[in-house]
C-alpha cells in the first residue's frame, strides 16, 4: 500500500475541522475519497466548525426559520444554531421562547429514559486540498492537480491560519479553494453519524466542540 496525503479543512460542526484530502474541520466532500485499494489520500483540514447535536433537531418557530435548537453532544446542553449565518450560541437568541428549551430538554430525557435513544450525529464542514498522488488528482475547479502532498499540506495550514486570524471563514474559503464538491456549499457535509466518514476524519470531527476548528487531518482512500 502506498501513502499519499491530500490536504483538507473540515469539520464547522456545526462544529468545524480541518483536513487534507481527508478533511480538516469547516466540513463536505473534503474527506478523502474512498477506493478499494489501501492507498492513502491525505485530507488535512476538516472544518472545525462541526456542529454537535443529536440526530434530532427542532426548528424554533418563535423566531425566524433561520434558528434551530440543538443538543451539544459533549456538554449535553441545548444550544442555538443559525442555518443562514452559521452562528452557534449557548445563549437564548432574541425572540426565542425559553419554555420551549425546557420542553425540548425534557423530551430528550424521556427518550433516553425509555431506551429510545437516537444515533448521535454531528454536522461539520471542511476544506479539501488534493495533490498529484491522490487517487483522483482532479477536482471541480482543477482538471489536473500537479502539486505535491507537501505543498497541499502547506496550503491547508495557511488556510487554517487565515480562518483562525479572522481574515476569512471556512465557508467562504471552501467555496474558492476546496477540491471537494462540497466547497460549493461552503464545505458543509451535513449531518452524519459514526461509520459514515473516513475513520480518521470521523474521530477528529466527533472530538470538536461547536465552532471549533480542527488540526489538519489525513485520511485513507
Protein backbone atom coordinates (compact mmCIF):
# COMPACT_ATOMS: atom_id res chain seq x y z
CA UNK A 1 0.00 0.00 0.00
CA UNK A 2 1.23 3.48 -0.71
CA UNK A 3 0.75 6.54 1.40
CA UNK A 4 -0.39 9.72 -0.28
CA UNK A 5 -1.98 12.57 1.61
CA UNK A 6 -4.49 15.09 0.41
CA UNK A 7 -5.00 18.23 2.34
CA UNK A 8 -8.34 19.35 3.52
CA UNK A 9 -10.00 21.54 6.10
CA UNK A 10 -13.05 20.10 7.69
CA UNK A 11 -15.33 19.69 10.28
CA UNK A 12 -17.52 23.69 11.47
CA UNK A 13 -19.85 21.50 13.02
CA UNK A 14 -21.92 22.85 13.32
CA UNK A 15 -18.57 22.10 14.51
CA UNK A 16 -15.66 22.78 12.22
CA UNK A 17 -12.50 20.86 11.38
CA UNK A 18 -9.59 20.97 9.00
CA UNK A 19 -8.22 18.13 6.95
CA UNK A 20 -6.01 17.32 3.97
CA UNK A 21 -7.70 15.32 1.37
CA UNK A 22 -9.18 13.65 4.20
CA UNK A 23 -10.97 16.62 5.66
CA UNK A 24 -9.66 19.00 8.11
CA UNK A 25 -12.69 20.70 10.47
CA UNK A 26 -15.02 23.88 8.44
CA UNK A 27 -16.95 20.08 6.96
CA UNK A 28 -18.23 18.00 3.00
CA UNK A 29 -16.69 16.01 0.33
CA UNK A 30 -13.37 17.25 1.55
CA UNK A 31 -12.82 13.99 3.18
CA UNK A 32 -10.56 11.59 1.46
CA UNK A 33 -12.06 9.82 -1.45
CA UNK A 34 -12.60 6.17 -0.77
CA UNK A 35 -11.39 3.42 -3.03
CA UNK A 36 -10.92 -0.29 -2.88
CA UNK A 37 -7.16 -0.13 -2.51
CA UNK A 38 -5.17 0.66 0.60
CA UNK A 39 -3.72 3.77 -0.95
CA UNK A 40 -3.75 6.61 1.50
CA UNK A 41 -5.02 10.00 0.42
CA UNK A 42 -4.31 12.82 2.76
CA UNK A 43 -7.02 15.07 3.93
CA UNK A 44 -5.75 17.80 6.02
CA UNK A 45 -8.09 20.29 7.38
CA UNK A 46 -11.55 19.47 8.30
CA UNK A 47 -13.56 22.43 9.28
CA UNK A 48 -13.55 22.63 12.96
CA UNK A 49 -16.91 24.18 12.79
CA UNK A 50 -18.54 20.90 13.27
CA UNK A 51 -21.97 21.12 14.65
CA UNK A 52 -22.61 18.78 17.52
CA UNK A 53 -26.13 17.61 18.01
CA UNK A 54 -28.28 14.58 18.28
CA UNK A 55 -29.81 13.36 15.05
CA UNK A 56 -32.97 15.12 16.05
CA UNK A 57 -33.07 18.90 15.92
CA UNK A 58 -36.08 21.13 16.12
CA UNK A 59 -36.81 24.26 14.19
CA UNK A 60 -37.74 27.09 16.50
CA UNK A 61 -40.94 28.65 15.23
CA UNK A 62 -40.89 31.60 17.65
CA UNK A 63 -38.17 33.37 15.71
CA UNK A 64 -37.18 33.38 12.09
CA UNK A 65 -36.86 29.98 10.48
CA UNK A 66 -33.11 30.53 10.41
CA UNK A 67 -32.68 29.35 14.01
CA UNK A 68 -32.69 25.75 15.22
CA UNK A 69 -32.40 24.36 18.72
CA UNK A 70 -29.94 21.51 19.12
CA UNK A 71 -28.26 19.46 21.84
CA UNK A 72 -24.48 19.51 22.33
CA UNK A 73 -23.05 16.01 22.20
CA UNK A 74 -20.23 16.74 24.64
CA UNK A 75 -21.95 19.07 27.11
CA UNK A 76 -25.44 17.57 26.90
CA UNK A 77 -26.87 21.10 26.78
CA UNK A 78 -29.16 22.91 24.38
CA UNK A 79 -27.61 25.46 22.05
CA UNK A 80 -28.81 27.50 19.09
CA UNK A 81 -27.63 27.37 15.50
CA UNK A 82 -28.47 29.79 12.71
CA UNK A 83 -28.57 27.89 9.41
CA UNK A 84 -28.10 31.07 7.38
CA UNK A 85 -25.29 32.82 9.27
CA UNK A 86 -23.90 29.53 10.68
CA UNK A 87 -23.73 31.21 14.09
CA UNK A 88 -23.77 28.94 17.16
CA UNK A 89 -24.59 30.28 20.61
CA UNK A 90 -25.28 28.88 24.07
CA UNK A 91 -27.38 31.94 24.93
CA UNK A 92 -31.02 32.28 24.04
CA UNK A 93 -31.38 34.32 20.82
CA UNK A 94 -33.74 37.23 20.87
CA UNK A 95 -37.34 36.18 20.26
CA UNK A 96 -36.96 32.58 21.41
CA UNK A 97 -39.47 31.31 23.99
CA UNK A 98 -37.45 29.97 26.99
CA UNK A 99 -40.19 27.50 27.87
CA UNK A 100 -39.53 25.61 24.67
CA UNK A 101 -35.96 24.90 25.72
CA UNK A 102 -37.21 23.23 28.85
CA UNK A 103 -39.79 21.18 26.99
CA UNK A 104 -37.23 20.09 24.41
CA UNK A 105 -34.73 19.01 27.08
CA UNK A 106 -37.43 17.05 28.90
CA UNK A 107 -38.38 15.35 25.66
CA UNK A 108 -34.77 14.24 25.15
CA UNK A 109 -34.52 12.94 28.71
CA UNK A 110 -37.74 10.97 28.36
CA UNK A 111 -36.49 9.35 25.16
CA UNK A 112 -33.25 8.31 26.83
CA UNK A 113 -35.04 7.01 29.90
CA UNK A 114 -37.30 4.94 27.70
CA UNK A 115 -34.38 3.49 25.80
CA UNK A 116 -35.39 5.16 22.57
CA UNK A 117 -32.07 6.87 22.02
CA UNK A 118 -31.37 8.08 18.52
CA UNK A 119 -27.96 7.72 16.92
CA UNK A 120 -25.74 10.65 17.77
CA UNK A 121 -24.92 12.85 14.83
CA UNK A 122 -22.86 15.94 14.19
CA UNK A 123 -22.67 18.40 11.35
CA UNK A 124 -19.32 19.53 10.02
CA UNK A 125 -17.73 21.49 7.21
CA UNK A 126 -14.32 21.04 5.70
CA UNK A 127 -11.90 22.25 3.07
CA UNK A 128 -10.11 19.68 0.94
CA UNK A 129 -6.80 20.11 -0.88
CA UNK A 130 -5.71 17.29 -3.18
CA UNK A 131 -2.25 16.55 -4.56
CA UNK A 132 -0.83 14.71 -7.56
CA UNK A 133 -0.70 11.38 -5.69
CA UNK A 134 -4.37 11.47 -4.78
CA UNK A 135 -6.49 8.65 -6.16
CA UNK A 136 -8.22 11.17 -8.39
CA UNK A 137 -5.86 14.16 -8.81
CA UNK A 138 -8.56 16.42 -10.19
CA UNK A 139 -11.49 18.43 -8.89
CA UNK A 140 -14.44 20.55 -9.98
CA UNK A 141 -12.14 23.58 -10.24
CA UNK A 142 -8.89 21.98 -11.42
CA UNK A 143 -8.85 19.20 -14.06
CA UNK A 144 -5.22 18.24 -13.47
CA UNK A 145 -3.72 18.67 -9.99
CA UNK A 146 0.10 18.66 -10.01
CA UNK A 147 1.00 19.91 -6.52
CA UNK A 148 2.93 17.63 -4.15
CA UNK A 149 1.45 16.39 -0.88
CA UNK A 150 3.88 18.67 0.99
CA UNK A 151 2.55 21.64 -0.96
CA UNK A 152 -1.01 20.54 -0.24
CA UNK A 153 -0.30 20.44 3.48
CA UNK A 154 1.26 23.91 3.39
CA UNK A 155 -1.84 25.24 1.67
CA UNK A 156 -4.11 23.70 4.29
CA UNK A 157 -2.03 25.08 7.14
CA UNK A 158 -2.13 28.52 5.53
CA UNK A 159 -5.91 28.38 5.11
CA UNK A 160 -6.30 27.32 8.72
CA UNK A 161 -4.28 30.30 9.96
CA UNK A 162 -6.37 32.69 7.87
CA UNK A 163 -9.54 31.27 9.41
CA UNK A 164 -8.16 31.42 12.96
CA UNK A 165 -6.98 35.02 12.49
CA UNK A 166 -10.46 36.07 11.41
CA UNK A 167 -9.29 37.13 7.96
CA UNK A 168 -11.86 34.83 6.38
CA UNK A 169 -14.21 31.98 7.22
CA UNK A 170 -14.07 28.32 6.33
CA UNK A 171 -17.35 28.74 4.48
CA UNK A 172 -16.01 31.50 2.22
CA UNK A 173 -12.62 29.85 1.73
CA UNK A 174 -14.07 26.43 0.87
CA UNK A 175 -16.16 27.97 -1.92
CA UNK A 176 -12.97 29.14 -3.61
CA UNK A 177 -10.20 26.75 -2.57
CA UNK A 178 -11.71 23.35 -1.72
CA UNK A 179 -11.12 20.46 -4.12
CA UNK A 180 -14.27 18.82 -2.83
CA UNK A 181 -17.62 19.43 -4.50
CA UNK A 182 -18.93 20.33 -1.05
CA UNK A 183 -16.94 23.52 -1.46
CA UNK A 184 -19.85 24.87 -3.49
CA UNK A 185 -21.87 24.64 -0.27
CA UNK A 186 -19.16 26.24 1.82
CA UNK A 187 -17.72 22.84 2.75
CA UNK A 188 -20.89 21.76 4.55
CA UNK A 189 -21.03 17.96 4.87
CA UNK A 190 -24.43 17.93 6.52
CA UNK A 191 -25.30 15.65 9.43
CA UNK A 192 -23.58 12.30 9.82
CA UNK A 193 -23.11 9.62 12.44
CA UNK A 194 -20.42 7.11 13.32
CA UNK A 195 -19.28 4.84 10.50
CA UNK A 196 -20.25 7.21 7.67
CA UNK A 197 -16.95 9.03 7.16
CA UNK A 198 -13.28 8.09 6.91
CA UNK A 199 -12.20 6.84 10.40
CA UNK A 200 -9.51 9.47 10.93
CA UNK A 201 -11.81 12.30 9.87
CA UNK A 202 -14.68 10.95 11.93
CA UNK A 203 -12.52 10.71 15.03
CA UNK A 204 -11.33 14.31 14.66
CA UNK A 205 -14.80 15.67 13.92
CA UNK A 206 -16.51 13.97 16.87
CA UNK A 207 -13.93 15.41 19.28
CA UNK A 208 -14.66 19.01 18.29
CA UNK A 209 -16.71 21.48 20.25
CA UNK A 210 -19.27 23.61 18.42
CA UNK A 211 -17.43 26.21 16.36
CA UNK A 212 -14.02 24.65 16.91
CA UNK A 213 -11.54 24.21 14.04
CA UNK A 214 -9.53 21.02 13.85
CA UNK A 215 -5.89 20.49 13.00
CA UNK A 216 -5.12 19.12 9.52
CA UNK A 217 -6.24 15.51 9.17
CA UNK A 218 -5.04 12.73 6.86
CA UNK A 219 -7.49 10.16 5.62
CA UNK A 220 -7.23 6.83 3.82
CA UNK A 221 -8.76 6.24 0.44
